[in-house]
Amino acid sequence: MESDVAFLEYVIKGLVDSPNDVKIVRTVDEMGVLLTLSVNPADMGKVIGRMGNTAKAIRTLLRVVGMKNNARVNLKINEPEGGMPKPRTDKTVDESLEDLKI
């Protein structure tokens, strides 16, 4: 297992209530290494933290791990199904005004 994946797995499994649901996919391309993280939806708040501070800290630490291995490491956190709904962008101006009750 790559050191960046092992590090991320150790940190995330220590944070969450459902460590068996932690899944990490590692891909490498010309931009560097991308680690895609999936966790139990109930654990998303623990991974992201207040105002995203936990996720930012994890990303910073992953960059340090990457520098040690001469690689650029990025982290993508998969949103769980049924998370925040995506805003609808196909409305007309009239429909949008109707929503505002103007």
PDB file of N, CA and C in Angstrom:
ATOM      1  N   MET A   1       0.852  -1.186   0.000  1.00  0.00           N
ATOM      2  CA  MET A   1       0.000   0.000   0.000  1.00  0.00           C
ATOM      3  C   MET A   1       0.892   1.241   0.000  1.00  0.00           C
ATOM      4  N   GLU A   2       0.510   2.217  -0.790  1.00  0.00           N
ATOM      5  CA  GLU A   2       1.269   3.461  -0.868  1.00  0.00           C
ATOM      6  C   GLU A   2       1.228   4.185   0.483  1.00  0.00           C
ATOM      7  N   SER A   3       2.292   4.926   0.794  1.00  0.00           N
ATOM      8  CA  SER A   3       2.360   5.600   2.100  1.00  0.00           C
ATOM      9  C   SER A   3       1.272   6.658   2.257  1.00  0.00           C
ATOM     10  N   ASP A   4       0.897   7.351   1.144  1.00  0.00           N
ATOM     11  CA  ASP A   4      -0.148   8.366   1.264  1.00  0.00           C
ATOM     12  C   ASP A   4      -1.504   7.731   1.575  1.00  0.00           C
ATOM     13  N   VAL A   5      -1.799   6.589   0.970  1.00  0.00           N
ATOM     14  CA  VAL A   5      -3.057   5.889   1.239  1.00  0.00           C
ATOM     15  C   VAL A   5      -3.062   5.355   2.667  1.00  0.00           C
ATOM     16  N   ALA A   6      -1.935   4.776   3.086  1.00  0.00           N
ATOM     17  CA  ALA A   6      -1.838   4.229   4.446  1.00  0.00           C
ATOM     18  C   ALA A   6      -2.019   5.336   5.484  1.00  0.00           C
ATOM     19  N   PHE A   7      -1.404   6.498   5.242  1.00  0.00           N
ATOM     20  CA  PHE A   7      -1.533   7.628   6.159  1.00  0.00           C
ATOM     21  C   PHE A   7      -2.980   8.104   6.241  1.00  0.00           C
ATOM     22  N   LEU A   8      -3.604   8.311   5.066  1.00  0.00           N
ATOM     23  CA  LEU A   8      -4.987   8.793   5.037  1.00  0.00           C
ATOM     24  C   LEU A   8      -5.921   7.798   5.717  1.00  0.00           C
ATOM     25  N   GLU A   9      -5.738   6.530   5.440  1.00  0.00           N
ATOM     26  CA  GLU A   9      -6.591   5.499   6.045  1.00  0.00           C
ATOM     27  C   GLU A   9      -6.456   5.517   7.568  1.00  0.00           C
ATOM     28  N   TYR A  10      -5.231   5.631   8.054  1.00  0.00           N
ATOM     29  CA  TYR A  10      -4.989   5.668   9.506  1.00  0.00           C
ATOM     30  C   TYR A  10      -5.701   6.860  10.143  1.00  0.00           C
ATOM     31  N   VAL A  11      -5.555   8.042   9.545  1.00  0.00           N
ATOM     32  CA  VAL A  11      -6.154   9.257  10.101  1.00  0.00           C
ATOM     33  C   VAL A  11      -7.685   9.178  10.069  1.00  0.00           C
ATOM     34  N   ILE A  12      -8.237   8.821   8.921  1.00  0.00           N
ATOM     35  CA  ILE A  12      -9.693   8.812   8.762  1.00  0.00           C
ATOM     36  C   ILE A  12     -10.324   7.750   9.652  1.00  0.00           C
ATOM     37  N   LYS A  13      -9.750   6.562   9.692  1.00  0.00           N
ATOM     38  CA  LYS A  13     -10.325   5.494  10.524  1.00  0.00           C
ATOM     39  C   LYS A  13     -10.284   5.861  12.000  1.00  0.00           C
ATOM     40  N   GLY A  14      -9.332   6.705  12.398  1.00  0.00           N
ATOM     41  CA  GLY A  14      -9.273   7.179  13.769  1.00  0.00           C
ATOM     42  C   GLY A  14     -10.332   8.222  14.084  1.00  0.00           C
ATOM     43  N   LEU A  15     -10.848   8.878  13.056  1.00  0.00           N
ATOM     44  CA  LEU A  15     -11.844   9.939  13.237  1.00  0.00           C
ATOM     45  C   LEU A  15     -13.286   9.433  13.247  1.00  0.00           C
ATOM     46  N   VAL A  16     -13.570   8.431  12.435  1.00  0.00           N
ATOM     47  CA  VAL A  16     -14.958   8.048  12.159  1.00  0.00           C
ATOM     48  C   VAL A  16     -15.483   6.978  13.117  1.00  0.00           C
ATOM     49  N   ASP A  17     -16.814   6.864  13.154  1.00  0.00           N
ATOM     50  CA  ASP A  17     -17.462   5.826  13.959  1.00  0.00           C
ATOM     51  C   ASP A  17     -17.596   4.512  13.205  1.00  0.00           C
ATOM     52  N   SER A  18     -17.537   4.569  11.876  1.00  0.00           N
ATOM     53  CA  SER A  18     -17.688   3.363  11.038  1.00  0.00           C
ATOM     54  C   SER A  18     -16.432   3.165  10.188  1.00  0.00           C
ATOM     55  N   PRO A  19     -15.325   2.722  10.809  1.00  0.00           N
ATOM     56  CA  PRO A  19     -14.074   2.584  10.053  1.00  0.00           C
ATOM     57  C   PRO A  19     -14.146   1.555   8.920  1.00  0.00           C
ATOM     58  N   ASN A  20     -15.045   0.585   9.019  1.00  0.00           N
ATOM     59  CA  ASN A  20     -15.157  -0.419   7.959  1.00  0.00           C
ATOM     60  C   ASN A  20     -15.746   0.151   6.678  1.00  0.00           C
ATOM     61  N   ASP A  21     -16.391   1.327   6.759  1.00  0.00           N
ATOM     62  CA  ASP A  21     -16.987   1.958   5.580  1.00  0.00           C
ATOM     63  C   ASP A  21     -16.018   2.896   4.857  1.00  0.00           C
ATOM     64  N   VAL A  22     -14.806   3.052   5.377  1.00  0.00           N
ATOM     65  CA  VAL A  22     -13.822   3.945   4.752  1.00  0.00           C
ATOM     66  C   VAL A  22     -13.260   3.273   3.503  1.00  0.00           C
ATOM     67  N   LYS A  23     -13.355   3.990   2.373  1.00  0.00           N
ATOM     68  CA  LYS A  23     -12.802   3.478   1.118  1.00  0.00           C
ATOM     69  C   LYS A  23     -11.966   4.580   0.473  1.00  0.00           C
ATOM     70  N   ILE A  24     -10.784   4.208   0.027  1.00  0.00           N
ATOM     71  CA  ILE A  24      -9.876   5.165  -0.603  1.00  0.00           C
ATOM     72  C   ILE A  24      -9.444   4.605  -1.955  1.00  0.00           C
ATOM     73  N   VAL A  25      -9.615   5.419  -2.993  1.00  0.00           N
ATOM     74  CA  VAL A  25      -9.175   5.039  -4.331  1.00  0.00           C
ATOM     75  C   VAL A  25      -8.046   5.982  -4.719  1.00  0.00           C
ATOM     76  N   ARG A  26      -6.922   5.414  -5.163  1.00  0.00           N
ATOM     77  CA  ARG A  26      -5.753   6.216  -5.535  1.00  0.00           C
ATOM     78  C   ARG A  26      -5.579   6.173  -7.039  1.00  0.00           C
ATOM     79  N   THR A  27      -5.520   7.353  -7.663  1.00  0.00           N
ATOM     80  CA  THR A  27      -5.245   7.437  -9.097  1.00  0.00           C
ATOM     81  C   THR A  27      -4.088   8.405  -9.310  1.00  0.00           C
ATOM     82  N   VAL A  28      -3.305   8.128 -10.342  1.00  0.00           N
ATOM     83  CA  VAL A  28      -2.149   8.968 -10.660  1.00  0.00           C
ATOM     84  C   VAL A  28      -2.285   9.431 -12.109  1.00  0.00           C
ATOM     85  N   ASP A  29      -2.084  10.735 -12.329  1.00  0.00           N
ATOM     86  CA  ASP A  29      -2.069  11.267 -13.691  1.00  0.00           C
ATOM     87  C   ASP A  29      -1.025  12.376 -13.759  1.00  0.00           C
ATOM     88  N   GLU A  30      -1.052  13.153 -14.848  1.00  0.00           N
ATOM     89  CA  GLU A  30      -0.035  14.206 -15.009  1.00  0.00           C
ATOM     90  C   GLU A  30      -0.139  15.298 -13.949  1.00  0.00           C
ATOM     91  N   MET A  31      -1.310  15.403 -13.276  1.00  0.00           N
ATOM     92  CA  MET A  31      -1.494  16.404 -12.226  1.00  0.00           C
ATOM     93  C   MET A  31      -0.942  15.930 -10.883  1.00  0.00           C
ATOM     94  N   GLY A  32      -0.652  14.659 -10.765  1.00  0.00           N
ATOM     95  CA  GLY A  32      -0.152  14.115  -9.507  1.00  0.00           C
ATOM     96  C   GLY A  32      -1.026  12.968  -9.026  1.00  0.00           C
ATOM     97  N   VAL A  33      -1.105  12.828  -7.721  1.00  0.00           N
ATOM     98  CA  VAL A  33      -1.869  11.742  -7.102  1.00  0.00           C
ATOM     99  C   VAL A  33      -3.205  12.301  -6.622  1.00  0.00           C
ATOM    100  N   LEU A  34      -4.276  11.586  -6.915  1.00  0.00           N
ATOM    101  CA  LEU A  34      -5.594  11.948  -6.411  1.00  0.00           C
ATOM    102  C   LEU A  34      -6.098  10.817  -5.531  1.00  0.00           C
ATOM    103  N   LEU A  35      -6.380  11.145  -4.273  1.00  0.00           N
ATOM    104  CA  LEU A  35      -6.975  10.181  -3.357  1.00  0.00           C
ATOM    105  C   LEU A  35      -8.452  10.541  -3.227  1.00  0.00           C
ATOM    106  N   THR A  36      -9.315   9.605  -3.562  1.00  0.00           N
ATOM    107  CA  THR A  36     -10.751   9.814  -3.474  1.00  0.00           C
ATOM    108  C   THR A  36     -11.259   9.038  -2.272  1.00  0.00           C
ATOM    109  N   LEU A  37     -11.856   9.769  -1.336  1.00  0.00           N
ATOM    110  CA  LEU A  37     -12.283   9.198  -0.065  1.00  0.00           C
ATOM    111  C   LEU A  37     -13.798   9.074  -0.005  1.00  0.00           C
ATOM    112  N   SER A  38     -14.257   7.912   0.425  1.00  0.00           N
ATOM    113  CA  SER A  38     -15.682   7.695   0.691  1.00  0.00           C
ATOM    114  C   SER A  38     -15.818   7.202   2.119  1.00  0.00           C
ATOM    115  N   VAL A  39     -16.771   7.788   2.849  1.00  0.00           N
ATOM    116  CA  VAL A  39     -17.029   7.367   4.228  1.00  0.00           C
ATOM    117  C   VAL A  39     -18.528   7.200   4.420  1.00  0.00           C
ATOM    118  N   ASN A  40     -18.909   6.624   5.533  1.00  0.00           N
ATOM    119  CA  ASN A  40     -20.318   6.498   5.889  1.00  0.00           C
ATOM    120  C   ASN A  40     -20.912   7.907   5.969  1.00  0.00           C
ATOM    121  N   PRO A  41     -22.114   8.126   5.400  1.00  0.00           N
ATOM    122  CA  PRO A  41     -22.715   9.471   5.433  1.00  0.00           C
ATOM    123  C   PRO A  41     -22.800  10.063   6.842  1.00  0.00           C
ATOM    124  N   ALA A  42     -22.997   9.230   7.853  1.00  0.00           N
ATOM    125  CA  ALA A  42     -23.081   9.735   9.226  1.00  0.00           C
ATOM    126  C   ALA A  42     -21.742  10.285   9.720  1.00  0.00           C
ATOM    127  N   ASP A  43     -20.643   9.915   9.058  1.00  0.00           N
ATOM    128  CA  ASP A  43     -19.309  10.349   9.479  1.00  0.00           C
ATOM    129  C   ASP A  43     -18.791  11.557   8.693  1.00  0.00           C
ATOM    130  N   MET A  44     -19.559  12.052   7.734  1.00  0.00           N
ATOM    131  CA  MET A  44     -19.077  13.161   6.901  1.00  0.00           C
ATOM    132  C   MET A  44     -18.694  14.382   7.737  1.00  0.00           C
ATOM    133  N   GLY A  45     -19.500  14.712   8.731  1.00  0.00           N
ATOM    134  CA  GLY A  45     -19.218  15.875   9.567  1.00  0.00           C
ATOM    135  C   GLY A  45     -17.892  15.759  10.293  1.00  0.00           C
ATOM    136  N   LYS A  46     -17.554  14.563  10.729  1.00  0.00           N
ATOM    137  CA  LYS A  46     -16.280  14.353  11.438  1.00  0.00           C
ATOM    138  C   LYS A  46     -15.099  14.546  10.495  1.00  0.00           C
ATOM    139  N   VAL A  47     -15.248  14.102   9.256  1.00  0.00           N
ATOM    140  CA  VAL A  47     -14.155  14.196   8.287  1.00  0.00           C
ATOM    141  C   VAL A  47     -13.974  15.635   7.809  1.00  0.00           C
ATOM    142  N   ILE A  48     -15.074  16.345   7.603  1.00  0.00           N
ATOM    143  CA  ILE A  48     -14.987  17.712   7.094  1.00  0.00           C
ATOM    144  C   ILE A  48     -14.687  18.700   8.212  1.00  0.00           C
ATOM    145  N   GLY A  49     -15.324  18.550   9.364  1.00  0.00           N
ATOM    146  CA  GLY A  49     -15.080  19.429  10.494  1.00  0.00           C
ATOM    147  C   GLY A  49     -15.793  20.765  10.345  1.00  0.00           C
ATOM    148  N   ARG A  50     -15.720  21.576  11.407  1.00  0.00           N
ATOM    149  CA  ARG A  50     -16.356  22.892  11.363  1.00  0.00           C
ATOM    150  C   ARG A  50     -15.704  23.760  10.312  1.00  0.00           C
ATOM    151  N   MET A  51     -16.540  24.287   9.433  1.00  0.00           N
ATOM    152  CA  MET A  51     -16.082  25.162   8.352  1.00  0.00           C
ATOM    153  C   MET A  51     -14.986  24.509   7.501  1.00  0.00           C
ATOM    154  N   GLY A  52     -14.968  23.189   7.460  1.00  0.00           N
ATOM    155  CA  GLY A  52     -14.002  22.479   6.628  1.00  0.00           C
ATOM    156  C   GLY A  52     -12.604  22.408   7.197  1.00  0.00           C
ATOM    157  N   ASN A  53     -12.447  22.773   8.465  1.00  0.00           N
ATOM    158  CA  ASN A  53     -11.096  22.832   9.039  1.00  0.00           C
ATOM    159  C   ASN A  53     -10.406  21.476   9.134  1.00  0.00           C
ATOM    160  N   THR A  54     -11.154  20.422   9.457  1.00  0.00           N
ATOM    161  CA  THR A  54     -10.535  19.096   9.554  1.00  0.00           C
ATOM    162  C   THR A  54     -10.064  18.647   8.168  1.00  0.00           C
ATOM    163  N   ALA A  55     -10.921  18.821   7.152  1.00  0.00           N
ATOM    164  CA  ALA A  55     -10.548  18.442   5.786  1.00  0.00           C
ATOM    165  C   ALA A  55      -9.327  19.236   5.320  1.00  0.00           C
ATOM    166  N   LYS A  56      -9.277  20.534   5.634  1.00  0.00           N
ATOM    167  CA  LYS A  56      -8.121  21.365   5.252  1.00  0.00           C
ATOM    168  C   LYS A  56      -6.844  20.843   5.903  1.00  0.00           C
ATOM    169  N   ALA A  57      -6.940  20.492   7.186  1.00  0.00           N
ATOM    170  CA  ALA A  57      -5.762  19.985   7.900  1.00  0.00           C
ATOM    171  C   ALA A  57      -5.284  18.667   7.300  1.00  0.00           C
ATOM    172  N   ILE A  58      -6.219  17.789   6.964  1.00  0.00           N
ATOM    173  CA  ILE A  58      -5.854  16.505   6.360  1.00  0.00           C
ATOM    174  C   ILE A  58      -5.181  16.740   5.012  1.00  0.00           C
ATOM    175  N   ARG A  59      -5.721  17.675   4.220  1.00  0.00           N
ATOM    176  CA  ARG A  59      -5.122  17.977   2.914  1.00  0.00           C
ATOM    177  C   ARG A  59      -3.699  18.522   3.078  1.00  0.00           C
ATOM    178  N   THR A  60      -3.507  19.375   4.076  1.00  0.00           N
ATOM    179  CA  THR A  60      -2.166  19.928   4.332  1.00  0.00           C
ATOM    180  C   THR A  60      -1.186  18.819   4.687  1.00  0.00           C
ATOM    181  N   LEU A  61      -1.603  17.924   5.572  1.00  0.00           N
ATOM    182  CA  LEU A  61      -0.731  16.811   5.967  1.00  0.00           C
ATOM    183  C   LEU A  61      -0.441  15.890   4.781  1.00  0.00           C
ATOM    184  N   LEU A  62      -1.436  15.675   3.915  1.00  0.00           N
ATOM    185  CA  LEU A  62      -1.207  14.837   2.728  1.00  0.00           C
ATOM    186  C   LEU A  62      -0.198  15.489   1.783  1.00  0.00           C
ATOM    187  N   ARG A  63      -0.220  16.823   1.688  1.00  0.00           N
ATOM    188  CA  ARG A  63       0.769  17.508   0.851  1.00  0.00           C
ATOM    189  C   ARG A  63       2.175  17.265   1.388  1.00  0.00           C
ATOM    190  N   VAL A  64       2.302  17.271   2.725  1.00  0.00           N
ATOM    191  CA  VAL A  64       3.612  17.017   3.341  1.00  0.00           C
ATOM    192  C   VAL A  64       4.066  15.589   3.033  1.00  0.00           C
ATOM    193  N   VAL A  65       3.153  14.628   3.166  1.00  0.00           N
ATOM    194  CA  VAL A  65       3.472  13.232   2.834  1.00  0.00           C
ATOM    195  C   VAL A  65       3.877  13.136   1.364  1.00  0.00           C
ATOM    196  N   GLY A  66       3.157  13.863   0.506  1.00  0.00           N
ATOM    197  CA  GLY A  66       3.479  13.851  -0.918  1.00  0.00           C
ATOM    198  C   GLY A  66       4.841  14.452  -1.216  1.00  0.00           C
ATOM    199  N   MET A  67       5.173  15.562  -0.552  1.00  0.00           N
ATOM    200  CA  MET A  67       6.480  16.200  -0.766  1.00  0.00           C
ATOM    201  C   MET A  67       7.611  15.249  -0.427  1.00  0.00           C
ATOM    202  N   LYS A  68       7.405  14.475   0.619  1.00  0.00           N
ATOM    203  CA  LYS A  68       8.426  13.511   1.034  1.00  0.00           C
ATOM    204  C   LYS A  68       8.670  12.487  -0.075  1.00  0.00           C
ATOM    205  N   ASN A  69       7.619  12.222  -0.870  1.00  0.00           N
ATOM    206  CA  ASN A  69       7.722  11.238  -1.953  1.00  0.00           C
ATOM    207  C   ASN A  69       7.778  11.890  -3.334  1.00  0.00           C
ATOM    208  N   ASN A  70       8.059  13.213  -3.370  1.00  0.00           N
ATOM    209  CA  ASN A  70       8.133  13.963  -4.628  1.00  0.00           C
ATOM    210  C   ASN A  70       6.878  13.812  -5.466  1.00  0.00           C
ATOM    211  N   ALA A  71       5.721  13.897  -4.823  1.00  0.00           N
ATOM    212  CA  ALA A  71       4.448  13.794  -5.546  1.00  0.00           C
ATOM    213  C   ALA A  71       3.492  14.862  -5.031  1.00  0.00           C
ATOM    214  N   ARG A  72       2.626  15.317  -5.916  1.00  0.00           N
ATOM    215  CA  ARG A  72       1.582  16.257  -5.517  1.00  0.00           C
ATOM    216  C   ARG A  72       0.354  15.423  -5.180  1.00  0.00           C
ATOM    217  N   VAL A  73      -0.097  15.499  -3.939  1.00  0.00           N
ATOM    218  CA  VAL A  73      -1.225  14.680  -3.489  1.00  0.00           C
ATOM    219  C   VAL A  73      -2.434  15.566  -3.237  1.00  0.00           C
ATOM    220  N   ASN A  74      -3.550  15.214  -3.854  1.00  0.00           N
ATOM    221  CA  ASN A  74      -4.808  15.927  -3.655  1.00  0.00           C
ATOM    222  C   ASN A  74      -5.838  14.969  -3.079  1.00  0.00           C
ATOM    223  N   LEU A  75      -6.777  15.518  -2.330  1.00  0.00           N
ATOM    224  CA  LEU A  75      -7.824  14.709  -1.703  1.00  0.00           C
ATOM    225  C   LEU A  75      -9.187  15.170  -2.190  1.00  0.00           C
ATOM    226  N   LYS A  76      -9.978  14.218  -2.645  1.00  0.00           N
ATOM    227  CA  LYS A  76     -11.374  14.484  -3.013  1.00  0.00           C
ATOM    228  C   LYS A  76     -12.235  13.670  -2.050  1.00  0.00           C
ATOM    229  N   ILE A  77     -13.200  14.344  -1.418  1.00  0.00           N
ATOM    230  CA  ILE A  77     -14.104  13.658  -0.495  1.00  0.00           C
ATOM    231  C   ILE A  77     -15.434  13.488  -1.216  1.00  0.00           C
ATOM    232  N   ASN A  78     -15.820  12.238  -1.458  1.00  0.00           N
ATOM    233  CA  ASN A  78     -17.086  11.966  -2.141  1.00  0.00           C
ATOM    234  C   ASN A  78     -18.258  12.335  -1.256  1.00  0.00           C
ATOM    235  N   GLU A  79     -19.217  13.066  -1.828  1.00  0.00           N
ATOM    236  CA  GLU A  79     -20.441  13.378  -1.095  1.00  0.00           C
ATOM    237  C   GLU A  79     -21.315  12.138  -1.074  1.00  0.00           C
ATOM    238  N   PRO A  80     -21.955  11.859   0.055  1.00  0.00           N
ATOM    239  CA  PRO A  80     -22.829  10.691   0.109  1.00  0.00           C
ATOM    240  C   PRO A  80     -24.093  10.914  -0.711  1.00  0.00           C
ATOM    241  N   GLU A  81     -24.700   9.820  -1.141  1.00  0.00           N
ATOM    242  CA  GLU A  81     -25.989   9.909  -1.839  1.00  0.00           C
ATOM    243  C   GLU A  81     -26.993  10.566  -0.907  1.00  0.00           C
ATOM    244  N   GLY A  82     -27.827  11.417  -1.450  1.00  0.00           N
ATOM    245  CA  GLY A  82     -28.831  12.071  -0.616  1.00  0.00           C
ATOM    246  C   GLY A  82     -28.267  13.188   0.229  1.00  0.00           C
ATOM    247  N   GLY A  83     -27.074  13.684  -0.137  1.00  0.00           N
ATOM    248  CA  GLY A  83     -26.485  14.806   0.591  1.00  0.00           C
ATOM    249  C   GLY A  83     -27.210  16.084   0.226  1.00  0.00           C
ATOM    250  N   MET A  84     -26.515  17.191   0.274  1.00  0.00           N
ATOM    251  CA  MET A  84     -27.126  18.474  -0.063  1.00  0.00           C
ATOM    252  C   MET A  84     -27.610  18.431  -1.504  1.00  0.00           C
ATOM    253  N   PRO A  85     -28.855  18.816  -1.750  1.00  0.00           N
ATOM    254  CA  PRO A  85     -29.350  18.793  -3.123  1.00  0.00           C
ATOM    255  C   PRO A  85     -28.648  19.841  -3.973  1.00  0.00           C
ATOM    256  N   LYS A  86     -28.398  19.477  -5.215  1.00  0.00           N
ATOM    257  CA  LYS A  86     -27.771  20.412  -6.133  1.00  0.00           C
ATOM    258  C   LYS A  86     -28.811  21.459  -6.539  1.00  0.00           C
ATOM    259  N   PRO A  87     -28.421  22.735  -6.591  1.00  0.00           N
ATOM    260  CA  PRO A  87     -29.389  23.756  -6.998  1.00  0.00           C
ATOM    261  C   PRO A  87     -29.775  23.559  -8.466  1.00  0.00           C
ATOM    262  N   ARG A  88     -31.029  23.807  -8.744  1.00  0.00           N
ATOM    263  CA  ARG A  88     -31.529  23.667 -10.107  1.00  0.00           C
ATOM    264  C   ARG A  88     -31.081  24.869 -10.919  1.00  0.00           C
ATOM    265  N   THR A  89     -30.469  24.634 -12.061  1.00  0.00           N
ATOM    266  CA  THR A  89     -29.950  25.740 -12.866  1.00  0.00           C
ATOM    267  C   THR A  89     -30.681  25.890 -14.188  1.00  0.00           C
ATOM    268  N   ASP A  90     -31.740  25.115 -14.408  1.00  0.00           N
ATOM    269  CA  ASP A  90     -32.427  25.174 -15.687  1.00  0.00           C
ATOM    270  C   ASP A  90     -33.724  25.984 -15.630  1.00  0.00           C
ATOM    271  N   LYS A  91     -33.885  26.818 -14.606  1.00  0.00           N
ATOM    272  CA  LYS A  91     -35.097  27.625 -14.473  1.00  0.00           C
ATOM    273  C   LYS A  91     -35.028  28.848 -15.383  1.00  0.00           C
ATOM    274  N   THR A  92     -36.184  29.298 -15.795  1.00  0.00           N
ATOM    275  CA  THR A  92     -36.256  30.549 -16.548  1.00  0.00           C
ATOM    276  C   THR A  92     -36.227  31.706 -15.546  1.00  0.00           C
ATOM    277  N   VAL A  93     -36.042  32.905 -16.054  1.00  0.00           N
ATOM    278  CA  VAL A  93     -36.040  34.093 -15.200  1.00  0.00           C
ATOM    279  C   VAL A  93     -37.391  34.228 -14.498  1.00  0.00           C
ATOM    280  N   ASP A  94     -38.480  33.981 -15.251  1.00  0.00           N
ATOM    281  CA  ASP A  94     -39.817  34.097 -14.665  1.00  0.00           C
ATOM    282  C   ASP A  94     -40.006  33.104 -13.512  1.00  0.00           C
ATOM    283  N   GLU A  95     -39.528  31.871 -13.700  1.00  0.00           N
ATOM    284  CA  GLU A  95     -39.657  30.870 -12.633  1.00  0.00           C
ATOM    285  C   GLU A  95     -38.840  31.277 -11.405  1.00  0.00           C
ATOM    286  N   SER A  96     -37.663  31.827 -11.636  1.00  0.00           N
ATOM    287  CA  SER A  96     -36.831  32.271 -10.528  1.00  0.00           C
ATOM    288  C   SER A  96     -37.498  33.417  -9.768  1.00  0.00           C
ATOM    289  N   LEU A  97     -38.085  34.369 -10.501  1.00  0.00           N
ATOM    290  CA  LEU A  97     -38.796  35.486  -9.860  1.00  0.00           C
ATOM    291  C   LEU A  97     -39.994  34.981  -9.074  1.00  0.00           C
ATOM    292  N   GLU A  98     -40.686  33.973  -9.614  1.00  0.00           N
ATOM    293  CA  GLU A  98     -41.829  33.390  -8.919  1.00  0.00           C
ATOM    294  C   GLU A  98     -41.387  32.780  -7.592  1.00  0.00           C
ATOM    295  N   ASP A  99     -40.211  32.117  -7.596  1.00  0.00           N
ATOM    296  CA  ASP A  99     -39.678  31.534  -6.349  1.00  0.00           C
ATOM    297  C   ASP A  99     -39.394  32.604  -5.311  1.00  0.00           C
ATOM    298  N   LEU A 100     -38.986  33.782  -5.761  1.00  0.00           N
ATOM    299  CA  LEU A 100     -38.671  34.870  -4.837  1.00  0.00           C
ATOM    300  C   LEU A 100     -39.919  35.579  -4.329  1.00  0.00           C
ATOM    301  N   LYS A 101     -41.046  35.296  -4.950  1.00  0.00           N
ATOM    302  CA  LYS A 101     -42.351  35.896  -4.553  1.00  0.00           C
ATOM    303  C   LYS A 101     -42.323  37.417  -4.676  1.00  0.00           C
ATOM    304  N   ILE A 102     -41.705  37.894  -5.726  1.00  0.00           N
ATOM    305  CA  ILE A 102     -41.627  39.345  -5.960  1.00  0.00           C
ATOM    306  C   ILE A 102     -42.852  39.817  -6.708  1.00  0.00           C
TER     307      ILE A 102
END
